[in-house]
PDB file of N, CA and C in Angstrom:
ATOM      1  N   UNK A   1      42.603  -7.289  22.349  1.00  0.00           N
ATOM      2  CA  UNK A   1      41.236  -8.024  23.058  1.00  0.00           C
ATOM      3  C   UNK A   1      39.644  -6.929  22.739  1.00  0.00           C
ATOM      4  N   UNK A   2      39.935  -6.222  23.741  1.00  0.00           N
ATOM      5  CA  UNK A   2      38.929  -5.306  23.651  1.00  0.00           C
ATOM      6  C   UNK A   2      38.720  -4.760  22.278  1.00  0.00           C
ATOM      7  N   UNK A   3      39.513  -4.571  21.430  1.00  0.00           N
ATOM      8  CA  UNK A   3      39.227  -4.040  20.093  1.00  0.00           C
ATOM      9  C   UNK A   3      38.548  -5.169  19.089  1.00  0.00           C
ATOM     10  N   UNK A   4      38.509  -6.332  19.683  1.00  0.00           N
ATOM     11  CA  UNK A   4      37.460  -7.557  18.771  1.00  0.00           C
ATOM     12  C   UNK A   4      36.211  -7.659  18.871  1.00  0.00           C
ATOM     13  N   UNK A   5      36.284  -7.155  20.594  1.00  0.00           N
ATOM     14  CA  UNK A   5      35.110  -7.335  21.410  1.00  0.00           C
ATOM     15  C   UNK A   5      33.756  -6.049  20.385  1.00  0.00           C
ATOM     16  N   UNK A   6      34.927  -4.994  20.452  1.00  0.00           N
ATOM     17  CA  UNK A   6      33.677  -3.696  19.992  1.00  0.00           C
ATOM     18  C   UNK A   6      33.326  -3.795  18.603  1.00  0.00           C
ATOM     19  N   UNK A   7      34.412  -4.611  17.752  1.00  0.00           N
ATOM     20  CA  UNK A   7      34.369  -4.919  16.400  1.00  0.00           C
ATOM     21  C   UNK A   7      33.064  -6.019  15.857  1.00  0.00           C
ATOM     22  N   UNK A   8      33.340  -7.222  16.956  1.00  0.00           N
ATOM     23  CA  UNK A   8      32.066  -7.825  16.857  1.00  0.00           C
ATOM     24  C   UNK A   8      30.508  -7.167  17.255  1.00  0.00           C
ATOM     25  N   UNK A   9      30.338  -6.150  18.550  1.00  0.00           N
ATOM     26  CA  UNK A   9      29.638  -5.796  18.791  1.00  0.00           C
ATOM     27  C   UNK A   9      28.771  -5.004  17.634  1.00  0.00           C
ATOM     28  N   UNK A  10      29.545  -4.090  16.965  1.00  0.00           N
ATOM     29  CA  UNK A  10      29.285  -3.653  15.780  1.00  0.00           C
ATOM     30  C   UNK A  10      28.790  -4.243  14.441  1.00  0.00           C
ATOM     31  N   UNK A  11      29.432  -5.244  14.557  1.00  0.00           N
ATOM     32  CA  UNK A  11      28.865  -6.144  13.569  1.00  0.00           C
ATOM     33  C   UNK A  11      27.614  -6.755  13.661  1.00  0.00           C
ATOM     34  N   UNK A  12      27.460  -6.957  15.196  1.00  0.00           N
ATOM     35  CA  UNK A  12      26.075  -7.721  15.561  1.00  0.00           C
ATOM     36  C   UNK A  12      24.939  -6.616  15.607  1.00  0.00           C
ATOM     37  N   UNK A  13      25.527  -5.279  16.001  1.00  0.00           N
ATOM     38  CA  UNK A  13      24.258  -4.559  15.806  1.00  0.00           C
ATOM     39  C   UNK A  13      24.031  -4.046  14.414  1.00  0.00           C
ATOM     40  N   UNK A  14      25.210  -4.361  13.217  1.00  0.00           N
ATOM     41  CA  UNK A  14      24.688  -3.684  12.001  1.00  0.00           C
ATOM     42  C   UNK A  14      23.808  -5.134  11.337  1.00  0.00           C
ATOM     43  N   UNK A  15      24.358  -5.998  11.876  1.00  0.00           N
ATOM     44  CA  UNK A  15      23.406  -7.173  11.477  1.00  0.00           C
ATOM     45  C   UNK A  15      21.597  -7.056  11.775  1.00  0.00           C
ATOM     46  N   UNK A  16      21.724  -6.722  13.298  1.00  0.00           N
ATOM     47  CA  UNK A  16      20.154  -6.352  14.150  1.00  0.00           C
ATOM     48  C   UNK A  16      19.707  -5.347  12.845  1.00  0.00           C
ATOM     49  N   UNK A  17      20.236  -4.424  12.800  1.00  0.00           N
ATOM     50  CA  UNK A  17      19.555  -3.202  12.166  1.00  0.00           C
ATOM     51  C   UNK A  17      19.407  -3.472  10.709  1.00  0.00           C
ATOM     52  N   UNK A  18      20.254  -4.102   9.935  1.00  0.00           N
ATOM     53  CA  UNK A  18      19.726  -5.137   8.529  1.00  0.00           C
ATOM     54  C   UNK A  18      18.546  -5.746   8.791  1.00  0.00           C
ATOM     55  N   UNK A  19      18.509  -6.479   9.722  1.00  0.00           N
ATOM     56  CA  UNK A  19      16.942  -6.959  10.057  1.00  0.00           C
ATOM     57  C   UNK A  19      15.963  -6.772  10.357  1.00  0.00           C
ATOM     58  N   UNK A  20      15.899  -5.657  11.104  1.00  0.00           N
ATOM     59  CA  UNK A  20      14.842  -4.634  11.516  1.00  0.00           C
ATOM     60  C   UNK A  20      14.510  -3.951  10.295  1.00  0.00           C
ATOM     61  N   UNK A  21      15.443  -3.094   9.771  1.00  0.00           N
ATOM     62  CA  UNK A  21      14.563  -2.401   8.178  1.00  0.00           C
ATOM     63  C   UNK A  21      14.350  -3.626   7.172  1.00  0.00           C
ATOM     64  N   UNK A  22      14.659  -4.935   6.962  1.00  0.00           N
ATOM     65  CA  UNK A  22      13.774  -5.920   6.417  1.00  0.00           C
ATOM     66  C   UNK A  22      12.640  -6.219   6.685  1.00  0.00           C
ATOM     67  N   UNK A  23      12.573  -6.546   7.965  1.00  0.00           N
ATOM     68  CA  UNK A  23      11.248  -6.763   8.683  1.00  0.00           C
ATOM     69  C   UNK A  23      10.438  -5.301   8.463  1.00  0.00           C
ATOM     70  N   UNK A  24      10.919  -4.248   8.647  1.00  0.00           N
ATOM     71  CA  UNK A  24       9.958  -2.800   8.706  1.00  0.00           C
ATOM     72  C   UNK A  24       9.450  -2.593   7.056  1.00  0.00           C
ATOM     73  N   UNK A  25      10.306  -3.136   5.955  1.00  0.00           N
ATOM     74  CA  UNK A  25      10.196  -3.240   4.445  1.00  0.00           C
ATOM     75  C   UNK A  25       8.906  -4.158   4.526  1.00  0.00           C
ATOM     76  N   UNK A  26       9.417  -5.151   5.278  1.00  0.00           N
ATOM     77  CA  UNK A  26       8.080  -6.217   4.628  1.00  0.00           C
ATOM     78  C   UNK A  26       6.780  -5.936   5.334  1.00  0.00           C
ATOM     79  N   UNK A  27       6.855  -5.645   6.174  1.00  0.00           N
ATOM     80  CA  UNK A  27       5.740  -5.254   6.981  1.00  0.00           C
ATOM     81  C   UNK A  27       4.810  -3.748   6.344  1.00  0.00           C
ATOM     82  N   UNK A  28       5.662  -2.868   5.845  1.00  0.00           N
ATOM     83  CA  UNK A  28       4.613  -1.893   5.137  1.00  0.00           C
ATOM     84  C   UNK A  28       4.588  -2.304   4.014  1.00  0.00           C
ATOM     85  N   UNK A  29       5.221  -3.104   3.496  1.00  0.00           N
ATOM     86  CA  UNK A  29       4.740  -3.549   2.155  1.00  0.00           C
ATOM     87  C   UNK A  29       3.060  -4.267   2.317  1.00  0.00           C
ATOM     88  N   UNK A  30       3.311  -5.419   3.623  1.00  0.00           N
ATOM     89  CA  UNK A  30       1.896  -6.253   3.503  1.00  0.00           C
ATOM     90  C   UNK A  30       0.688  -4.545   4.281  1.00  0.00           C
ATOM     91  N   UNK A  31       1.331  -3.735   5.221  1.00  0.00           N
ATOM     92  CA  UNK A  31       0.171  -2.917   5.075  1.00  0.00           C
ATOM     93  C   UNK A  31      -0.256  -1.987   4.100  1.00  0.00           C
ATOM     94  N   UNK A  32       1.013  -1.448   2.977  1.00  0.00           N
ATOM     95  CA  UNK A  32       0.087  -0.806   1.562  1.00  0.00           C
ATOM     96  C   UNK A  32      -0.783  -1.855   0.433  1.00  0.00           C
ATOM     97  N   UNK A  33      -0.379  -3.292   0.774  1.00  0.00           N
ATOM     98  CA  UNK A  33      -1.402  -4.100  -0.140  1.00  0.00           C
ATOM     99  C   UNK A  33      -2.748  -4.403   0.370  1.00  0.00           C
ATOM    100  N   UNK A  34      -2.694  -4.027   1.937  1.00  0.00           N
ATOM    101  CA  UNK A  34      -3.938  -4.491   2.282  1.00  0.00           C
ATOM    102  C   UNK A  34      -4.908  -2.951   2.158  1.00  0.00           C
ATOM    103  N   UNK A  35      -4.140  -1.892   2.382  1.00  0.00           N
ATOM    104  CA  UNK A  35      -4.689  -0.315   1.959  1.00  0.00           C
ATOM    105  C   UNK A  35      -5.432  -0.831   0.816  1.00  0.00           C
ATOM    106  N   UNK A  36      -4.566  -1.259  -0.418  1.00  0.00           N
ATOM    107  CA  UNK A  36      -5.053  -1.256  -1.781  1.00  0.00           C
ATOM    108  C   UNK A  36      -6.198  -2.194  -2.149  1.00  0.00           C
ATOM    109  N   UNK A  37      -6.000  -3.096  -1.016  1.00  0.00           N
ATOM    110  CA  UNK A  37      -7.217  -3.960  -1.209  1.00  0.00           C
ATOM    111  C   UNK A  37      -8.466  -3.371  -1.074  1.00  0.00           C
ATOM    112  N   UNK A  38      -8.240  -2.667   0.391  1.00  0.00           N
ATOM    113  CA  UNK A  38      -9.637  -1.995   0.818  1.00  0.00           C
ATOM    114  C   UNK A  38      -9.944  -1.196  -0.321  1.00  0.00           C
ATOM    115  N   UNK A  39      -9.069  -0.477  -0.631  1.00  0.00           N
ATOM    116  CA  UNK A  39      -9.621   0.763  -1.976  1.00  0.00           C
ATOM    117  C   UNK A  39     -10.279   0.001  -3.019  1.00  0.00           C
ATOM    118  N   UNK A  40      -9.643  -1.299  -3.295  1.00  0.00           N
ATOM    119  CA  UNK A  40     -10.637  -2.131  -4.621  1.00  0.00           C
ATOM    120  C   UNK A  40     -11.668  -2.465  -3.806  1.00  0.00           C
ATOM    121  N   UNK A  41     -11.861  -2.761  -2.749  1.00  0.00           N
ATOM    122  CA  UNK A  41     -13.651  -3.651  -2.398  1.00  0.00           C
ATOM    123  C   UNK A  41     -14.121  -2.243  -2.007  1.00  0.00           C
ATOM    124  N   UNK A  42     -13.532  -1.278  -1.871  1.00  0.00           N
ATOM    125  CA  UNK A  42     -14.651  -0.298  -1.570  1.00  0.00           C
ATOM    126  C   UNK A  42     -15.066   0.408  -2.953  1.00  0.00           C
ATOM    127  N   UNK A  43     -14.302  -0.010  -3.925  1.00  0.00           N
ATOM    128  CA  UNK A  43     -14.519   0.839  -5.365  1.00  0.00           C
ATOM    129  C   UNK A  43     -15.486  -0.351  -6.089  1.00  0.00           C
ATOM    130  N   UNK A  44     -15.354  -1.537  -5.421  1.00  0.00           N
ATOM    131  CA  UNK A  44     -16.293  -2.641  -6.307  1.00  0.00           C
ATOM    132  C   UNK A  44     -17.557  -2.321  -5.398  1.00  0.00           C
ATOM    133  N   UNK A  45     -17.716  -2.130  -4.267  1.00  0.00           N
ATOM    134  CA  UNK A  45     -19.319  -1.515  -4.056  1.00  0.00           C
ATOM    135  C   UNK A  45     -19.731  -0.318  -4.569  1.00  0.00           C
ATOM    136  N   UNK A  46     -18.944   0.902  -4.461  1.00  0.00           N
ATOM    137  CA  UNK A  46     -19.243   2.071  -4.950  1.00  0.00           C
ATOM    138  C   UNK A  46     -19.804   1.445  -6.599  1.00  0.00           C
ATOM    139  N   UNK A  47     -19.287   0.902  -7.354  1.00  0.00           N
ATOM    140  CA  UNK A  47     -19.133   0.579  -8.501  1.00  0.00           C
ATOM    141  C   UNK A  47     -20.752  -0.343  -8.709  1.00  0.00           C
ATOM    142  N   UNK A  48     -20.715  -1.157  -8.069  1.00  0.00           N
ATOM    143  CA  UNK A  48     -22.049  -2.037  -8.116  1.00  0.00           C
ATOM    144  C   UNK A  48     -23.320  -1.547  -7.671  1.00  0.00           C
ATOM    145  N   UNK A  49     -22.941  -0.666  -6.905  1.00  0.00           N
ATOM    146  CA  UNK A  49     -24.868  -0.428  -6.036  1.00  0.00           C
ATOM    147  C   UNK A  49     -25.424   0.966  -6.758  1.00  0.00           C
ATOM    148  N   UNK A  50     -26.726   0.712  -6.712  1.00  0.00           N
ATOM    149  CA  UNK A  50     -27.646   1.529  -7.132  1.00  0.00           C
ATOM    150  C   UNK A  50     -27.683   2.479  -6.435  1.00  0.00           C
ATOM    151  N   UNK A  51     -27.479   2.630  -5.138  1.00  0.00           N
ATOM    152  CA  UNK A  51     -28.130   3.667  -4.377  1.00  0.00           C
ATOM    153  C   UNK A  51     -26.527   4.588  -3.969  1.00  0.00           C
ATOM    154  N   UNK A  52     -26.853   5.622  -4.696  1.00  0.00           N
ATOM    155  CA  UNK A  52     -26.127   7.010  -4.845  1.00  0.00           C
ATOM    156  C   UNK A  52     -25.231   6.937  -3.583  1.00  0.00           C
ATOM    157  N   UNK A  53     -26.141   7.366  -2.190  1.00  0.00           N
ATOM    158  CA  UNK A  53     -25.080   7.778  -1.081  1.00  0.00           C
ATOM    159  C   UNK A  53     -24.467   6.619  -0.796  1.00  0.00           C
ATOM    160  N   UNK A  54     -24.168   5.477  -1.419  1.00  0.00           N
ATOM    161  CA  UNK A  54     -23.406   4.649  -0.750  1.00  0.00           C
ATOM    162  C   UNK A  54     -22.716   4.446  -1.621  1.00  0.00           C
ATOM    163  N   UNK A  55     -22.599   4.557  -2.619  1.00  0.00           N
ATOM    164  CA  UNK A  55     -21.925   5.047  -3.909  1.00  0.00           C
ATOM    165  C   UNK A  55     -20.733   5.852  -3.455  1.00  0.00           C
ATOM    166  N   UNK A  56     -21.028   7.314  -3.341  1.00  0.00           N
ATOM    167  CA  UNK A  56     -20.377   8.300  -2.755  1.00  0.00           C
ATOM    168  C   UNK A  56     -19.595   7.816  -1.572  1.00  0.00           C
ATOM    169  N   UNK A  57     -20.026   7.154  -0.720  1.00  0.00           N
ATOM    170  CA  UNK A  57     -19.638   7.083   0.859  1.00  0.00           C
ATOM    171  C   UNK A  57     -18.430   6.170   0.572  1.00  0.00           C
ATOM    172  N   UNK A  58     -18.659   5.240  -0.311  1.00  0.00           N
ATOM    173  CA  UNK A  58     -17.706   4.124  -0.438  1.00  0.00           C
ATOM    174  C   UNK A  58     -16.383   4.472  -1.404  1.00  0.00           C
ATOM    175  N   UNK A  59     -16.829   5.496  -2.369  1.00  0.00           N
ATOM    176  CA  UNK A  59     -16.078   5.942  -2.991  1.00  0.00           C
ATOM    177  C   UNK A  59     -14.919   6.709  -1.994  1.00  0.00           C
ATOM    178  N   UNK A  60     -15.386   7.548  -1.128  1.00  0.00           N
ATOM    179  CA  UNK A  60     -14.570   8.168  -0.256  1.00  0.00           C
ATOM    180  C   UNK A  60     -13.765   7.389   0.413  1.00  0.00           C
ATOM    181  N   UNK A  61     -14.408   6.271   0.951  1.00  0.00           N
ATOM    182  CA  UNK A  61     -13.518   5.218   1.775  1.00  0.00           C
ATOM    183  C   UNK A  61     -12.312   4.722   0.704  1.00  0.00           C
ATOM    184  N   UNK A  62     -12.727   4.442  -0.505  1.00  0.00           N
ATOM    185  CA  UNK A  62     -11.436   3.738  -1.364  1.00  0.00           C
ATOM    186  C   UNK A  62     -10.403   4.721  -1.730  1.00  0.00           C
ATOM    187  N   UNK A  63     -10.985   6.377  -1.733  1.00  0.00           N
ATOM    188  CA  UNK A  63      -9.626   7.506  -1.815  1.00  0.00           C
ATOM    189  C   UNK A  63      -8.892   7.028  -0.532  1.00  0.00           C
ATOM    190  N   UNK A  64      -9.853   7.381   0.382  1.00  0.00           N
ATOM    191  CA  UNK A  64      -8.904   7.609   1.803  1.00  0.00           C
ATOM    192  C   UNK A  64      -7.718   6.044   1.823  1.00  0.00           C
ATOM    193  N   UNK A  65      -8.343   4.932   1.844  1.00  0.00           N
ATOM    194  CA  UNK A  65      -7.393   3.914   2.117  1.00  0.00           C
ATOM    195  C   UNK A  65      -6.482   3.888   0.514  1.00  0.00           C
ATOM    196  N   UNK A  66      -6.830   4.394  -0.257  1.00  0.00           N
ATOM    197  CA  UNK A  66      -5.731   4.823  -1.789  1.00  0.00           C
ATOM    198  C   UNK A  66      -4.762   5.585  -1.535  1.00  0.00           C
ATOM    199  N   UNK A  67      -5.166   6.603  -0.812  1.00  0.00           N
ATOM    200  CA  UNK A  67      -4.028   8.083  -0.295  1.00  0.00           C
ATOM    201  C   UNK A  67      -2.931   7.051   0.876  1.00  0.00           C
ATOM    202  N   UNK A  68      -3.410   6.825   1.771  1.00  0.00           N
ATOM    203  CA  UNK A  68      -3.061   5.810   2.645  1.00  0.00           C
ATOM    204  C   UNK A  68      -1.986   5.017   2.361  1.00  0.00           C
ATOM    205  N   UNK A  69      -1.921   4.207   1.077  1.00  0.00           N
ATOM    206  CA  UNK A  69      -1.293   3.064   0.423  1.00  0.00           C
ATOM    207  C   UNK A  69      -0.145   4.070   0.126  1.00  0.00           C
ATOM    208  N   UNK A  70      -0.523   4.950  -0.924  1.00  0.00           N
ATOM    209  CA  UNK A  70       0.834   6.021  -1.552  1.00  0.00           C
ATOM    210  C   UNK A  70       1.355   6.550  -0.771  1.00  0.00           C
ATOM    211  N   UNK A  71       0.709   6.921   0.365  1.00  0.00           N
ATOM    212  CA  UNK A  71       1.538   7.480   1.104  1.00  0.00           C
ATOM    213  C   UNK A  71       2.679   6.803   1.836  1.00  0.00           C
ATOM    214  N   UNK A  72       2.745   5.549   2.124  1.00  0.00           N
ATOM    215  CA  UNK A  72       3.366   4.612   2.702  1.00  0.00           C
ATOM    216  C   UNK A  72       4.162   3.457   1.638  1.00  0.00           C
ATOM    217  N   UNK A  73       3.920   4.096   0.560  1.00  0.00           N
ATOM    218  CA  UNK A  73       4.406   3.158  -0.564  1.00  0.00           C
ATOM    219  C   UNK A  73       5.893   3.375  -0.676  1.00  0.00           C
ATOM    220  N   UNK A  74       6.661   4.447  -0.302  1.00  0.00           N
ATOM    221  CA  UNK A  74       8.241   4.534  -0.031  1.00  0.00           C
ATOM    222  C   UNK A  74       9.151   4.032   0.767  1.00  0.00           C
ATOM    223  N   UNK A  75       9.063   2.385   0.193  1.00  0.00           N
ATOM    224  CA  UNK A  75       9.854   1.301   0.762  1.00  0.00           C
ATOM    225  C   UNK A  75      10.624   0.812  -0.494  1.00  0.00           C
ATOM    226  N   UNK A  76      11.513   0.161   0.024  1.00  0.00           N
ATOM    227  CA  UNK A  76      12.116  -0.683  -1.098  1.00  0.00           C
ATOM    228  C   UNK A  76      11.310  -2.092  -1.312  1.00  0.00           C
ATOM    229  N   UNK A  77      11.397  -2.029  -2.647  1.00  0.00           N
ATOM    230  CA  UNK A  77      10.196  -3.061  -3.020  1.00  0.00           C
ATOM    231  C   UNK A  77      10.798  -4.133  -3.570  1.00  0.00           C
ATOM    232  N   UNK A  78      10.881  -5.529  -3.193  1.00  0.00           N
ATOM    233  CA  UNK A  78      11.075  -6.276  -4.372  1.00  0.00           C
ATOM    234  C   UNK A  78      10.601  -6.583  -5.616  1.00  0.00           C
ATOM    235  N   UNK A  79      11.091  -7.014  -6.616  1.00  0.00           N
ATOM    236  CA  UNK A  79      10.135  -7.397  -7.846  1.00  0.00           C
ATOM    237  C   UNK A  79       8.919  -7.626  -8.195  1.00  0.00           C
ATOM    238  N   UNK A  80       8.965  -8.820  -7.417  1.00  0.00           N
ATOM    239  CA  UNK A  80       7.724  -9.078  -7.044  1.00  0.00           C
ATOM    240  C   UNK A  80       6.255  -8.379  -6.505  1.00  0.00           C
ATOM    241  N   UNK A  81       7.209  -7.683  -5.506  1.00  0.00           N
ATOM    242  CA  UNK A  81       6.092  -6.808  -4.522  1.00  0.00           C
ATOM    243  C   UNK A  81       5.689  -5.770  -5.393  1.00  0.00           C
ATOM    244  N   UNK A  82       6.521  -4.976  -6.280  1.00  0.00           N
ATOM    245  CA  UNK A  82       6.645  -4.065  -7.357  1.00  0.00           C
ATOM    246  C   UNK A  82       5.297  -4.739  -8.234  1.00  0.00           C
ATOM    247  N   UNK A  83       5.476  -5.939  -8.722  1.00  0.00           N
ATOM    248  CA  UNK A  83       4.572  -6.253  -9.661  1.00  0.00           C
ATOM    249  C   UNK A  83       2.780  -6.557  -9.020  1.00  0.00           C
ATOM    250  N   UNK A  84       3.166  -7.077  -7.829  1.00  0.00           N
ATOM    251  CA  UNK A  84       1.788  -7.155  -7.004  1.00  0.00           C
ATOM    252  C   UNK A  84       0.688  -5.804  -6.758  1.00  0.00           C
ATOM    253  N   UNK A  85       2.017  -4.804  -6.207  1.00  0.00           N
ATOM    254  CA  UNK A  85       1.469  -3.421  -6.339  1.00  0.00           C
ATOM    255  C   UNK A  85       1.076  -2.673  -7.732  1.00  0.00           C
ATOM    256  N   UNK A  86       1.553  -2.940  -8.748  1.00  0.00           N
ATOM    257  CA  UNK A  86       1.068  -2.734 -10.287  1.00  0.00           C
ATOM    258  C   UNK A  86      -0.246  -3.309 -10.585  1.00  0.00           C
ATOM    259  N   UNK A  87      -0.070  -4.591  -9.936  1.00  0.00           N
ATOM    260  CA  UNK A  87      -1.688  -5.216 -10.300  1.00  0.00           C
ATOM    261  C   UNK A  87      -2.632  -4.836  -9.630  1.00  0.00           C
ATOM    262  N   UNK A  88      -2.579  -4.182  -8.285  1.00  0.00           N
ATOM    263  CA  UNK A  88      -3.648  -3.776  -7.698  1.00  0.00           C
ATOM    264  C   UNK A  88      -4.117  -2.631  -8.153  1.00  0.00           C
ATOM    265  N   UNK A  89      -3.370  -1.559  -8.532  1.00  0.00           N
ATOM    266  CA  UNK A  89      -3.515  -0.298  -8.810  1.00  0.00           C
ATOM    267  C   UNK A  89      -3.745  -0.246 -10.498  1.00  0.00           C
ATOM    268  N   UNK A  90      -3.376  -1.032 -11.247  1.00  0.00           N
ATOM    269  CA  UNK A  90      -4.119  -1.380 -12.428  1.00  0.00           C
ATOM    270  C   UNK A  90      -5.627  -1.777 -12.245  1.00  0.00           C
ATOM    271  N   UNK A  91      -5.912  -2.539 -11.137  1.00  0.00           N
ATOM    272  CA  UNK A  91      -7.455  -3.035 -10.858  1.00  0.00           C
ATOM    273  C   UNK A  91      -8.237  -1.775 -10.540  1.00  0.00           C
ATOM    274  N   UNK A  92      -7.686  -0.819  -9.926  1.00  0.00           N
ATOM    275  CA  UNK A  92      -8.294   0.270  -8.861  1.00  0.00           C
ATOM    276  C   UNK A  92      -8.350   0.794 -10.204  1.00  0.00           C
ATOM    277  N   UNK A  93      -7.481   1.420 -10.972  1.00  0.00           N
ATOM    278  CA  UNK A  93      -7.596   2.205 -12.108  1.00  0.00           C
ATOM    279  C   UNK A  93      -9.093   1.482 -12.875  1.00  0.00           C
ATOM    280  N   UNK A  94      -9.020   0.328 -13.443  1.00  0.00           N
ATOM    281  CA  UNK A  94     -10.044   0.025 -13.766  1.00  0.00           C
ATOM    282  C   UNK A  94     -11.284  -0.056 -13.022  1.00  0.00           C
ATOM    283  N   UNK A  95     -11.357   0.002 -11.736  1.00  0.00           N
ATOM    284  CA  UNK A  95     -12.619   0.105 -11.372  1.00  0.00           C
ATOM    285  C   UNK A  95     -12.961   1.087 -11.055  1.00  0.00           C
ATOM    286  N   UNK A  96     -12.378   1.999 -11.164  1.00  0.00           N
ATOM    287  CA  UNK A  96     -12.660   3.759 -11.287  1.00  0.00           C
ATOM    288  C   UNK A  96     -13.181   4.118 -12.264  1.00  0.00           C
ATOM    289  N   UNK A  97     -13.137   3.294 -13.306  1.00  0.00           N
ATOM    290  CA  UNK A  97     -14.016   3.312 -14.505  1.00  0.00           C
ATOM    291  C   UNK A  97     -15.269   3.319 -14.488  1.00  0.00           C
ATOM    292  N   UNK A  98     -15.546   2.021 -13.410  1.00  0.00           N
ATOM    293  CA  UNK A  98     -17.488   1.759 -13.081  1.00  0.00           C
ATOM    294  C   UNK A  98     -18.010   2.445 -12.186  1.00  0.00           C
ATOM    295  N   UNK A  99     -17.155   3.645 -11.197  1.00  0.00           N
ATOM    296  CA  UNK A  99     -17.637   4.324 -10.477  1.00  0.00           C
ATOM    297  C   UNK A  99     -18.461   5.454 -10.954  1.00  0.00           C
ATOM    298  N   UNK A 100     -19.163   6.138 -10.171  1.00  0.00           N
ATOM    299  CA  UNK A 100     -19.934   7.285 -10.819  1.00  0.00           C
ATOM    300  C   UNK A 100     -19.045   8.699 -11.102  1.00  0.00           C
ATOM    301  N   UNK A 101     -19.451   9.557 -12.196  1.00  0.00           N
ATOM    302  CA  UNK A 101     -18.494  10.383 -12.440  1.00  0.00           C
ATOM    303  C   UNK A 101     -18.755  11.376 -11.939  1.00  0.00           C
ATOM    304  N   UNK A 102     -18.109  12.102 -10.728  1.00  0.00           N
ATOM    305  CA  UNK A 102     -18.335  12.725  -9.629  1.00  0.00           C
ATOM    306  C   UNK A 102     -17.099  13.662  -9.096  1.00  0.00           C
ATOM    307  N   UNK A 103     -16.385  13.431  -9.992  1.00  0.00           N
ATOM    308  CA  UNK A 103     -15.037  14.309  -9.753  1.00  0.00           C
ATOM    309  C   UNK A 103     -13.875  13.876  -8.790  1.00  0.00           C
ATOM    310  N   UNK A 104     -14.400  12.557  -8.281  1.00  0.00           N
ATOM    311  CA  UNK A 104     -14.003  11.822  -6.996  1.00  0.00           C
ATOM    312  C   UNK A 104     -12.869  10.741  -7.712  1.00  0.00           C
ATOM    313  N   UNK A 105     -12.078  10.585  -6.915  1.00  0.00           N
ATOM    314  CA  UNK A 105     -11.238   9.202  -6.920  1.00  0.00           C
ATOM    315  C   UNK A 105     -10.018   9.458  -8.286  1.00  0.00           C
ATOM    316  N   UNK A 106      -9.363  10.770  -8.309  1.00  0.00           N
ATOM    317  CA  UNK A 106      -8.139  10.432  -9.225  1.00  0.00           C
ATOM    318  C   UNK A 106      -7.162   9.949  -8.754  1.00  0.00           C
ATOM    319  N   UNK A 107      -6.942   8.840  -9.781  1.00  0.00           N
ATOM    320  CA  UNK A 107      -6.034   8.184  -9.251  1.00  0.00           C
ATOM    321  C   UNK A 107      -4.161   8.705  -9.577  1.00  0.00           C
ATOM    322  N   UNK A 108      -3.367   8.978  -8.949  1.00  0.00           N
ATOM    323  CA  UNK A 108      -1.736   9.082  -9.571  1.00  0.00           C
ATOM    324  C   UNK A 108      -1.605   8.069 -10.366  1.00  0.00           C
ATOM    325  N   UNK A 109      -0.729   8.767 -11.678  1.00  0.00           N
ATOM    326  CA  UNK A 109      -0.370   7.580 -12.676  1.00  0.00           C
ATOM    327  C   UNK A 109       0.907   7.666 -12.342  1.00  0.00           C
TER     328      UNK A 109
END
């Protein structure tokens, strides 16, 4: 009887860890996409302003958001999540072309 209790507790524990891992990966994905959205927003501001100081400041913010996203991007993503990340990175790369050429904001490919 005690053997069954231990096996059941072990299965419950494994199930709980699997659920926690899945939730962790989901939250990490949400965090990464928000950071990429921030990078896109700051890049849009930098690309559309005539104020050079504002442009440089927002490029720096975009770089920081991008670096944070890439740092946390080491999670198991589903196919749809990969496509969403790739779309945001593509948008960010195209926005980079509209930013001042100052040697900043070099995206990893």
